[in-house]
Amino acid sequence: MKKILVVIDYQNDFVTGSLGFEEAKKLENGIEALVEAALEEGTKVIFTRDTHAKDYLETREGKFLPVPHCIKNSEGWHLYGALRKYEEHPATSLLDKPGFGSAGLPYAVQQLFEGDEPDEVVICGVVTNICVLANAVMLQTAFRRANIVVKKDLCAAVGEAHEKALEMMAGLGITIE
């Protein structure tokens, strides 16, 4: 089975930085264990990093969410905690994305499979109702035969937004585990 794990935006600014929140802190050990298990079984792993320039507040997203975050090469931009080691890991890939969803993510996944499509895409990370949702939909749209799975206990958002986003994704045919 051609399988990939996609870890969405588990970066310092979303955990303890400018957009950090308590629920995100609780994910570190579980995401690290999932990544380790994936690598041990030969599953491909890609991390997305929300990536902005210093002019972020002048962008459409910056006007919608006027909190500077994940400025490229800042401390807040790097993967959080124990996951930072995967920025340099030879068996993992990184994709910097300038917005909530990444149109380049399906292409990056295909490149890891040498132009082929995965059979299963497993997704975890933050924030459930924004970047996780946007990228799950991108992947579901691109890979019509793949099983798209969102790990509900390894995603987080503030308040009820997490559960509402999971409901929405389930309604789109995405598997919620």
N, C-alpha and C. Protein backbone atom coordinates (compact mmCIF):
# COMPACT_ATOMS: atom_id res chain seq x y z
N MET A 1 0.84 -1.18 0.00
CA MET A 1 0.00 0.00 0.00
C MET A 1 0.88 1.24 0.00
N LYS A 2 0.56 2.19 -0.87
CA LYS A 2 1.29 3.46 -0.95
C LYS A 2 0.60 4.45 0.01
N LYS A 3 1.30 4.73 1.09
CA LYS A 3 0.70 5.53 2.17
C LYS A 3 1.61 6.71 2.49
N ILE A 4 0.97 7.82 2.89
CA ILE A 4 1.73 9.01 3.30
C ILE A 4 1.06 9.62 4.52
N LEU A 5 1.90 10.14 5.40
CA LEU A 5 1.46 10.91 6.56
C LEU A 5 1.75 12.38 6.27
N VAL A 6 0.73 13.22 6.42
CA VAL A 6 0.89 14.65 6.21
C VAL A 6 0.65 15.35 7.55
N VAL A 7 1.69 16.00 8.07
CA VAL A 7 1.59 16.74 9.33
C VAL A 7 1.44 18.21 8.97
N ILE A 8 0.29 18.77 9.32
CA ILE A 8 -0.04 20.14 8.93
C ILE A 8 0.38 21.15 10.00
N ASP A 9 1.30 22.01 9.65
CA ASP A 9 1.62 23.26 10.37
C ASP A 9 1.87 23.10 11.88
N TYR A 10 2.49 22.02 12.29
CA TYR A 10 2.76 21.88 13.73
C TYR A 10 4.04 22.67 14.05
N GLN A 11 3.86 23.98 14.10
CA GLN A 11 4.96 24.94 14.23
C GLN A 11 4.86 25.71 15.53
N ASN A 12 5.99 26.28 15.94
CA ASN A 12 6.05 27.01 17.20
C ASN A 12 4.96 28.07 17.34
N ASP A 13 4.73 28.86 16.31
CA ASP A 13 3.74 29.94 16.43
C ASP A 13 2.33 29.43 16.66
N PHE A 14 2.02 28.20 16.25
CA PHE A 14 0.68 27.64 16.46
C PHE A 14 0.57 26.88 17.79
N VAL A 15 1.70 26.67 18.45
CA VAL A 15 1.68 25.92 19.70
C VAL A 15 1.93 26.85 20.89
N THR A 16 3.04 27.57 20.87
CA THR A 16 3.37 28.44 22.01
C THR A 16 3.61 29.89 21.58
N GLY A 17 3.54 30.17 20.29
CA GLY A 17 3.85 31.50 19.79
C GLY A 17 2.64 32.39 19.65
N SER A 18 2.67 33.26 18.66
CA SER A 18 1.66 34.31 18.50
C SER A 18 0.25 33.79 18.31
N LEU A 19 0.08 32.59 17.78
CA LEU A 19 -1.26 31.99 17.61
C LEU A 19 -1.38 30.68 18.40
N GLY A 20 -0.52 30.52 19.40
CA GLY A 20 -0.51 29.29 20.19
C GLY A 20 -1.77 29.13 21.03
N PHE A 21 -2.11 27.88 21.31
CA PHE A 21 -3.27 27.59 22.16
C PHE A 21 -3.03 26.26 22.88
N GLU A 22 -3.66 26.13 24.03
CA GLU A 22 -3.39 25.02 24.93
C GLU A 22 -3.58 23.64 24.29
N GLU A 23 -4.63 23.47 23.50
CA GLU A 23 -4.91 22.16 22.92
C GLU A 23 -3.78 21.70 22.00
N ALA A 24 -3.11 22.64 21.35
CA ALA A 24 -2.02 22.29 20.42
C ALA A 24 -0.84 21.70 21.17
N LYS A 25 -0.57 22.17 22.38
CA LYS A 25 0.56 21.66 23.16
C LYS A 25 0.42 20.17 23.43
N LYS A 26 -0.80 19.71 23.58
CA LYS A 26 -1.06 18.32 23.95
C LYS A 26 -0.79 17.32 22.83
N LEU A 27 -0.55 17.79 21.62
CA LEU A 27 -0.40 16.92 20.46
C LEU A 27 1.03 16.43 20.23
N GLU A 28 2.01 17.08 20.82
CA GLU A 28 3.41 16.82 20.48
C GLU A 28 3.79 15.34 20.56
N ASN A 29 3.56 14.70 21.69
CA ASN A 29 3.99 13.30 21.86
C ASN A 29 3.26 12.37 20.90
N GLY A 30 1.98 12.59 20.70
CA GLY A 30 1.20 11.73 19.80
C GLY A 30 1.63 11.88 18.35
N ILE A 31 1.88 13.11 17.93
CA ILE A 31 2.34 13.32 16.54
C ILE A 31 3.73 12.72 16.36
N GLU A 32 4.60 12.93 17.33
CA GLU A 32 5.94 12.36 17.22
C GLU A 32 5.87 10.84 17.13
N ALA A 33 5.04 10.20 17.94
CA ALA A 33 4.90 8.74 17.91
C ALA A 33 4.35 8.28 16.56
N LEU A 34 3.39 9.03 16.01
CA LEU A 34 2.82 8.68 14.71
C LEU A 34 3.87 8.79 13.61
N VAL A 35 4.68 9.84 13.65
CA VAL A 35 5.74 10.02 12.66
C VAL A 35 6.76 8.89 12.76
N GLU A 36 7.19 8.57 13.98
CA GLU A 36 8.16 7.49 14.17
C GLU A 36 7.63 6.16 13.65
N ALA A 37 6.37 5.86 13.98
CA ALA A 37 5.76 4.61 13.50
C ALA A 37 5.67 4.59 11.98
N ALA A 38 5.32 5.72 11.40
CA ALA A 38 5.22 5.81 9.94
C ALA A 38 6.58 5.55 9.29
N LEU A 39 7.61 6.18 9.82
CA LEU A 39 8.94 6.00 9.25
C LEU A 39 9.42 4.55 9.40
N GLU A 40 9.12 3.95 10.53
CA GLU A 40 9.51 2.55 10.76
C GLU A 40 8.85 1.60 9.77
N GLU A 41 7.61 1.89 9.38
CA GLU A 41 6.91 0.99 8.45
C GLU A 41 7.12 1.38 6.98
N GLY A 42 7.93 2.40 6.76
CA GLY A 42 8.23 2.80 5.39
C GLY A 42 7.23 3.75 4.77
N THR A 43 6.33 4.30 5.58
CA THR A 43 5.36 5.29 5.10
C THR A 43 6.08 6.61 4.85
N LYS A 44 5.74 7.27 3.77
CA LYS A 44 6.32 8.58 3.47
C LYS A 44 5.71 9.62 4.42
N VAL A 45 6.51 10.63 4.77
CA VAL A 45 6.06 11.67 5.70
C VAL A 45 6.41 13.03 5.12
N ILE A 46 5.43 13.91 5.12
CA ILE A 46 5.65 15.29 4.69
C ILE A 46 5.07 16.23 5.74
N PHE A 47 5.82 17.25 6.06
CA PHE A 47 5.39 18.30 6.99
C PHE A 47 5.11 19.55 6.19
N THR A 48 3.95 20.18 6.41
CA THR A 48 3.73 21.50 5.83
C THR A 48 4.14 22.53 6.86
N ARG A 49 4.64 23.65 6.37
CA ARG A 49 4.95 24.78 7.24
C ARG A 49 4.27 26.01 6.68
N ASP A 50 3.39 26.60 7.49
CA ASP A 50 2.81 27.88 7.14
C ASP A 50 4.00 28.83 7.02
N THR A 51 4.08 29.56 5.92
CA THR A 51 5.27 30.37 5.66
C THR A 51 4.86 31.73 5.10
N HIS A 52 5.21 32.76 5.85
CA HIS A 52 4.86 34.12 5.44
C HIS A 52 6.10 35.01 5.37
N ALA A 53 5.96 36.10 4.63
CA ALA A 53 7.02 37.11 4.54
C ALA A 53 6.70 38.24 5.51
N LYS A 54 7.61 39.17 5.59
CA LYS A 54 7.43 40.29 6.51
C LYS A 54 6.26 41.18 6.14
N ASP A 55 5.78 41.09 4.89
CA ASP A 55 4.64 41.89 4.45
C ASP A 55 3.30 41.18 4.71
N TYR A 56 3.29 40.18 5.56
CA TYR A 56 2.10 39.36 5.82
C TYR A 56 0.85 40.20 6.06
N LEU A 57 0.95 41.24 6.87
CA LEU A 57 -0.24 42.04 7.22
C LEU A 57 -0.83 42.75 6.01
N GLU A 58 -0.11 42.86 4.92
CA GLU A 58 -0.60 43.49 3.71
C GLU A 58 -1.32 42.51 2.78
N THR A 59 -1.27 41.21 3.11
CA THR A 59 -1.92 40.19 2.27
C THR A 59 -3.39 40.03 2.66
N ARG A 60 -4.14 39.35 1.82
CA ARG A 60 -5.55 39.08 2.11
C ARG A 60 -5.67 38.31 3.42
N GLU A 61 -4.84 37.27 3.59
CA GLU A 61 -4.89 36.51 4.83
C GLU A 61 -4.53 37.38 6.03
N GLY A 62 -3.53 38.23 5.86
CA GLY A 62 -3.11 39.12 6.93
C GLY A 62 -4.18 40.10 7.36
N LYS A 63 -5.02 40.48 6.43
CA LYS A 63 -6.15 41.37 6.78
C LYS A 63 -7.26 40.58 7.48
N PHE A 64 -7.41 39.30 7.12
CA PHE A 64 -8.41 38.44 7.75
C PHE A 64 -7.95 38.01 9.14
N LEU A 65 -6.68 37.67 9.26
CA LEU A 65 -6.09 37.19 10.52
C LEU A 65 -4.87 38.07 10.81
N PRO A 66 -5.11 39.27 11.38
CA PRO A 66 -4.03 40.26 11.52
C PRO A 66 -3.07 40.00 12.69
N VAL A 67 -2.49 38.81 12.71
CA VAL A 67 -1.49 38.45 13.72
C VAL A 67 -0.28 37.90 12.97
N PRO A 68 0.82 38.65 12.95
CA PRO A 68 2.01 38.12 12.27
C PRO A 68 2.42 36.78 12.89
N HIS A 69 2.67 35.80 12.03
CA HIS A 69 3.05 34.47 12.49
C HIS A 69 3.79 33.73 11.38
N CYS A 70 4.57 32.76 11.78
CA CYS A 70 5.29 31.87 10.85
C CYS A 70 6.04 32.65 9.76
N ILE A 71 6.69 33.74 10.19
CA ILE A 71 7.51 34.51 9.26
C ILE A 71 8.75 33.66 8.94
N LYS A 72 9.00 33.45 7.66
CA LYS A 72 10.06 32.54 7.23
C LYS A 72 11.37 32.79 7.98
N ASN A 73 11.93 31.71 8.46
CA ASN A 73 13.20 31.67 9.19
C ASN A 73 13.13 32.23 10.61
N SER A 74 11.96 32.66 11.07
CA SER A 74 11.82 33.08 12.46
C SER A 74 11.70 31.84 13.34
N GLU A 75 11.86 31.99 14.63
CA GLU A 75 11.71 30.86 15.55
C GLU A 75 10.29 30.29 15.47
N GLY A 76 9.29 31.14 15.31
CA GLY A 76 7.91 30.69 15.24
C GLY A 76 7.59 29.86 14.01
N TRP A 77 8.39 29.97 12.98
CA TRP A 77 8.19 29.26 11.72
C TRP A 77 8.61 27.79 11.79
N HIS A 78 9.54 27.48 12.68
CA HIS A 78 10.07 26.11 12.76
C HIS A 78 9.07 25.14 13.37
N LEU A 79 9.24 23.85 13.06
CA LEU A 79 8.42 22.81 13.67
C LEU A 79 8.60 22.86 15.17
N TYR A 80 7.54 22.50 15.89
CA TYR A 80 7.50 22.62 17.34
C TYR A 80 8.19 21.44 18.04
N GLY A 81 8.89 21.76 19.11
CA GLY A 81 9.40 20.78 20.06
C GLY A 81 10.20 19.66 19.42
N ALA A 82 9.85 18.43 19.81
CA ALA A 82 10.58 17.24 19.34
C ALA A 82 10.47 17.05 17.83
N LEU A 83 9.48 17.68 17.21
CA LEU A 83 9.31 17.49 15.76
C LEU A 83 10.30 18.31 14.94
N ARG A 84 10.96 19.25 15.57
CA ARG A 84 11.92 20.09 14.83
C ARG A 84 13.02 19.24 14.19
N LYS A 85 13.37 18.12 14.82
CA LYS A 85 14.43 17.27 14.26
C LYS A 85 14.09 16.77 12.86
N TYR A 86 12.82 16.75 12.52
CA TYR A 86 12.41 16.26 11.20
C TYR A 86 12.63 17.27 10.09
N GLU A 87 12.98 18.51 10.44
CA GLU A 87 13.32 19.49 9.41
C GLU A 87 14.59 19.08 8.67
N GLU A 88 15.43 18.31 9.32
CA GLU A 88 16.71 17.89 8.75
C GLU A 88 16.77 16.38 8.51
N HIS A 89 15.68 15.68 8.73
CA HIS A 89 15.66 14.22 8.65
C HIS A 89 15.65 13.78 7.19
N PRO A 90 16.51 12.84 6.81
CA PRO A 90 16.60 12.44 5.40
C PRO A 90 15.36 11.71 4.87
N ALA A 91 14.53 11.16 5.76
CA ALA A 91 13.37 10.39 5.30
C ALA A 91 12.07 11.19 5.33
N THR A 92 12.15 12.48 5.65
CA THR A 92 10.94 13.31 5.66
C THR A 92 11.09 14.44 4.65
N SER A 93 9.93 14.99 4.26
CA SER A 93 9.91 16.12 3.32
C SER A 93 9.22 17.30 3.97
N LEU A 94 9.55 18.49 3.50
CA LEU A 94 8.94 19.73 3.99
C LEU A 94 8.30 20.46 2.81
N LEU A 95 7.17 21.08 3.08
CA LEU A 95 6.52 21.92 2.08
C LEU A 95 6.13 23.23 2.74
N ASP A 96 6.74 24.31 2.31
CA ASP A 96 6.37 25.64 2.81
C ASP A 96 5.17 26.11 2.00
N LYS A 97 4.14 26.59 2.71
CA LYS A 97 2.92 27.02 2.03
C LYS A 97 2.56 28.43 2.48
N PRO A 98 2.17 29.29 1.54
CA PRO A 98 1.91 30.69 1.86
C PRO A 98 0.50 31.00 2.36
N GLY A 99 -0.37 30.01 2.40
CA GLY A 99 -1.75 30.26 2.82
C GLY A 99 -2.34 29.06 3.52
N PHE A 100 -3.62 29.14 3.80
CA PHE A 100 -4.30 28.07 4.54
C PHE A 100 -4.16 26.73 3.82
N GLY A 101 -4.57 26.68 2.58
CA GLY A 101 -4.44 25.46 1.78
C GLY A 101 -3.28 25.61 0.83
N SER A 102 -2.70 24.49 0.45
CA SER A 102 -1.58 24.54 -0.48
C SER A 102 -1.93 23.82 -1.77
N ALA A 103 -2.04 24.59 -2.85
CA ALA A 103 -2.29 24.00 -4.16
C ALA A 103 -1.13 23.09 -4.56
N GLY A 104 0.05 23.32 -4.01
CA GLY A 104 1.22 22.52 -4.33
C GLY A 104 1.32 21.22 -3.55
N LEU A 105 0.51 21.04 -2.52
CA LEU A 105 0.61 19.83 -1.70
C LEU A 105 0.33 18.55 -2.50
N PRO A 106 -0.74 18.46 -3.28
CA PRO A 106 -0.94 17.23 -4.06
C PRO A 106 0.23 16.93 -5.00
N TYR A 107 0.80 17.95 -5.61
CA TYR A 107 1.95 17.75 -6.49
C TYR A 107 3.14 17.22 -5.69
N ALA A 108 3.39 17.80 -4.51
CA ALA A 108 4.50 17.35 -3.68
C ALA A 108 4.32 15.89 -3.28
N VAL A 109 3.09 15.50 -2.97
CA VAL A 109 2.80 14.12 -2.62
C VAL A 109 3.07 13.21 -3.83
N GLN A 110 2.58 13.61 -4.99
CA GLN A 110 2.82 12.81 -6.20
C GLN A 110 4.31 12.64 -6.48
N GLN A 111 5.09 13.67 -6.25
CA GLN A 111 6.53 13.59 -6.48
C GLN A 111 7.17 12.55 -5.56
N LEU A 112 6.67 12.45 -4.34
CA LEU A 112 7.21 11.44 -3.42
C LEU A 112 6.90 10.03 -3.89
N PHE A 113 5.84 9.88 -4.67
CA PHE A 113 5.46 8.58 -5.23
C PHE A 113 5.85 8.48 -6.71
N GLU A 114 6.82 9.30 -7.11
CA GLU A 114 7.35 9.30 -8.48
C GLU A 114 6.24 9.43 -9.53
N GLY A 115 5.32 10.36 -9.28
CA GLY A 115 4.25 10.65 -10.22
C GLY A 115 2.99 9.84 -10.02
N ASP A 116 3.04 8.86 -9.15
CA ASP A 116 1.88 8.03 -8.87
C ASP A 116 1.06 8.64 -7.73
N GLU A 117 -0.08 8.06 -7.46
CA GLU A 117 -0.94 8.54 -6.38
C GLU A 117 -0.87 7.60 -5.19
N PRO A 118 -1.06 8.13 -3.99
CA PRO A 118 -1.09 7.26 -2.81
C PRO A 118 -2.42 6.53 -2.72
N ASP A 119 -2.40 5.41 -1.99
CA ASP A 119 -3.64 4.69 -1.68
C ASP A 119 -4.30 5.28 -0.44
N GLU A 120 -3.46 5.81 0.46
CA GLU A 120 -3.99 6.37 1.71
C GLU A 120 -3.17 7.59 2.11
N VAL A 121 -3.89 8.62 2.56
CA VAL A 121 -3.28 9.85 3.06
C VAL A 121 -3.79 10.04 4.48
N VAL A 122 -2.87 10.05 5.44
CA VAL A 122 -3.22 10.27 6.85
C VAL A 122 -2.80 11.68 7.21
N ILE A 123 -3.70 12.42 7.86
CA ILE A 123 -3.46 13.83 8.16
C ILE A 123 -3.60 14.08 9.65
N CYS A 124 -2.69 14.90 10.19
CA CYS A 124 -2.79 15.39 11.56
C CYS A 124 -2.21 16.80 11.59
N GLY A 125 -2.40 17.50 12.70
CA GLY A 125 -1.80 18.83 12.85
C GLY A 125 -2.79 19.88 13.29
N VAL A 126 -2.44 21.13 12.99
CA VAL A 126 -3.24 22.27 13.41
C VAL A 126 -3.40 23.24 12.24
N VAL A 127 -4.34 24.01 12.26
CA VAL A 127 -5.52 24.15 13.10
C VAL A 127 -6.66 23.44 12.36
N THR A 128 -7.43 22.61 13.08
CA THR A 128 -8.39 21.71 12.44
C THR A 128 -9.33 22.43 11.49
N ASN A 129 -9.89 23.55 11.92
CA ASN A 129 -10.92 24.23 11.13
C ASN A 129 -10.36 25.18 10.07
N ILE A 130 -9.06 25.26 9.97
CA ILE A 130 -8.48 26.15 8.96
C ILE A 130 -7.55 25.33 8.05
N CYS A 131 -6.30 25.19 8.43
CA CYS A 131 -5.32 24.55 7.53
C CYS A 131 -5.52 23.05 7.38
N VAL A 132 -5.92 22.36 8.45
CA VAL A 132 -6.16 20.92 8.31
C VAL A 132 -7.32 20.70 7.34
N LEU A 133 -8.42 21.41 7.56
CA LEU A 133 -9.59 21.30 6.69
C LEU A 133 -9.24 21.65 5.24
N ALA A 134 -8.59 22.77 5.03
CA ALA A 134 -8.27 23.23 3.68
C ALA A 134 -7.40 22.22 2.94
N ASN A 135 -6.40 21.67 3.61
CA ASN A 135 -5.50 20.73 2.94
C ASN A 135 -6.09 19.35 2.79
N ALA A 136 -6.94 18.94 3.72
CA ALA A 136 -7.65 17.66 3.56
C ALA A 136 -8.53 17.71 2.32
N VAL A 137 -9.20 18.83 2.10
CA VAL A 137 -10.05 18.98 0.92
C VAL A 137 -9.20 18.99 -0.35
N MET A 138 -8.05 19.67 -0.32
CA MET A 138 -7.15 19.68 -1.48
C MET A 138 -6.71 18.26 -1.83
N LEU A 139 -6.33 17.49 -0.83
CA LEU A 139 -5.85 16.13 -1.06
C LEU A 139 -6.98 15.21 -1.51
N GLN A 140 -8.15 15.38 -0.93
CA GLN A 140 -9.30 14.58 -1.33
C GLN A 140 -9.69 14.88 -2.78
N THR A 141 -9.60 16.11 -3.17
CA THR A 141 -9.93 16.50 -4.54
C THR A 141 -8.91 15.95 -5.54
N ALA A 142 -7.65 15.98 -5.16
CA ALA A 142 -6.59 15.54 -6.07
C ALA A 142 -6.51 14.02 -6.20
N PHE A 143 -6.75 13.32 -5.10
CA PHE A 143 -6.57 11.86 -5.09
C PHE A 143 -7.91 11.18 -4.88
N ARG A 144 -8.64 11.02 -5.95
CA ARG A 144 -10.03 10.55 -5.90
C ARG A 144 -10.17 9.08 -5.53
N ARG A 145 -9.09 8.32 -5.62
CA ARG A 145 -9.16 6.90 -5.26
C ARG A 145 -8.56 6.63 -3.88
N ALA A 146 -7.88 7.58 -3.32
CA ALA A 146 -7.20 7.39 -2.04
C ALA A 146 -8.16 7.52 -0.86
N ASN A 147 -7.87 6.80 0.18
CA ASN A 147 -8.59 6.96 1.44
C ASN A 147 -7.92 8.12 2.17
N ILE A 148 -8.66 9.18 2.43
CA ILE A 148 -8.14 10.34 3.16
C ILE A 148 -8.60 10.19 4.60
N VAL A 149 -7.64 10.16 5.53
CA VAL A 149 -7.92 9.91 6.94
C VAL A 149 -7.41 11.08 7.77
N VAL A 150 -8.28 11.63 8.62
CA VAL A 150 -7.87 12.67 9.57
C VAL A 150 -7.87 12.05 10.96
N LYS A 151 -6.73 12.17 11.64
CA LYS A 151 -6.57 11.66 13.01
C LYS A 151 -7.12 12.71 13.97
N LYS A 152 -8.36 12.51 14.41
CA LYS A 152 -9.05 13.53 15.21
C LYS A 152 -8.35 13.85 16.52
N ASP A 153 -7.70 12.86 17.13
CA ASP A 153 -7.03 13.11 18.41
C ASP A 153 -5.64 13.71 18.23
N LEU A 154 -5.19 13.86 17.00
CA LEU A 154 -3.89 14.46 16.72
C LEU A 154 -4.04 15.73 15.89
N CYS A 155 -5.23 16.34 16.01
CA CYS A 155 -5.53 17.66 15.44
C CYS A 155 -6.11 18.50 16.56
N ALA A 156 -6.04 19.80 16.42
CA ALA A 156 -6.61 20.67 17.44
C ALA A 156 -7.02 22.01 16.85
N ALA A 157 -8.02 22.59 17.51
CA ALA A 157 -8.48 23.95 17.22
C ALA A 157 -9.05 24.49 18.53
N VAL A 158 -9.34 25.75 18.55
CA VAL A 158 -9.87 26.37 19.75
C VAL A 158 -11.38 26.13 19.84
N GLY A 159 -11.82 25.66 20.99
CA GLY A 159 -13.25 25.51 21.27
C GLY A 159 -13.94 24.50 20.37
N GLU A 160 -15.18 24.84 20.01
CA GLU A 160 -16.03 23.94 19.22
C GLU A 160 -15.59 23.82 17.76
N ALA A 161 -14.70 24.65 17.33
CA ALA A 161 -14.27 24.65 15.92
C ALA A 161 -13.69 23.30 15.51
N HIS A 162 -13.02 22.63 16.42
CA HIS A 162 -12.42 21.32 16.12
C HIS A 162 -13.50 20.32 15.72
N GLU A 163 -14.51 20.16 16.56
CA GLU A 163 -15.58 19.19 16.29
C GLU A 163 -16.38 19.57 15.05
N LYS A 164 -16.65 20.84 14.86
CA LYS A 164 -17.39 21.29 13.68
C LYS A 164 -16.62 20.98 12.41
N ALA A 165 -15.31 21.20 12.43
CA ALA A 165 -14.49 20.91 11.25
C ALA A 165 -14.46 19.41 10.97
N LEU A 166 -14.36 18.60 12.01
CA LEU A 166 -14.38 17.15 11.82
C LEU A 166 -15.70 16.71 11.19
N GLU A 167 -16.81 17.28 11.66
CA GLU A 167 -18.13 16.97 11.08
C GLU A 167 -18.17 17.34 9.60
N MET A 168 -17.64 18.51 9.29
CA MET A 168 -17.65 18.97 7.91
C MET A 168 -16.83 18.04 7.02
N MET A 169 -15.65 17.64 7.50
CA MET A 169 -14.81 16.74 6.70
C MET A 169 -15.46 15.38 6.54
N ALA A 170 -16.09 14.88 7.58
CA ALA A 170 -16.80 13.59 7.48
C ALA A 170 -17.91 13.70 6.44
N GLY A 171 -18.58 14.83 6.40
CA GLY A 171 -19.64 15.06 5.42
C GLY A 171 -19.12 15.09 3.99
N LEU A 172 -17.83 15.32 3.83
CA LEU A 172 -17.21 15.33 2.51
C LEU A 172 -16.63 13.97 2.14
N GLY A 173 -16.83 13.00 3.01
CA GLY A 173 -16.34 11.64 2.72
C GLY A 173 -14.93 11.38 3.20
N ILE A 174 -14.40 12.25 4.02
CA ILE A 174 -13.09 12.05 4.61
C ILE A 174 -13.26 11.18 5.85
N THR A 175 -12.40 10.18 6.01
CA THR A 175 -12.48 9.27 7.15
C THR A 175 -11.93 9.97 8.39
N ILE A 176 -12.70 9.96 9.46
CA ILE A 176 -12.27 10.55 10.73
C ILE A 176 -12.00 9.40 11.70
N GLU A 177 -10.76 9.31 12.16
CA GLU A 177 -10.38 8.23 13.10
C GLU A 177 -9.93 8.84 14.41
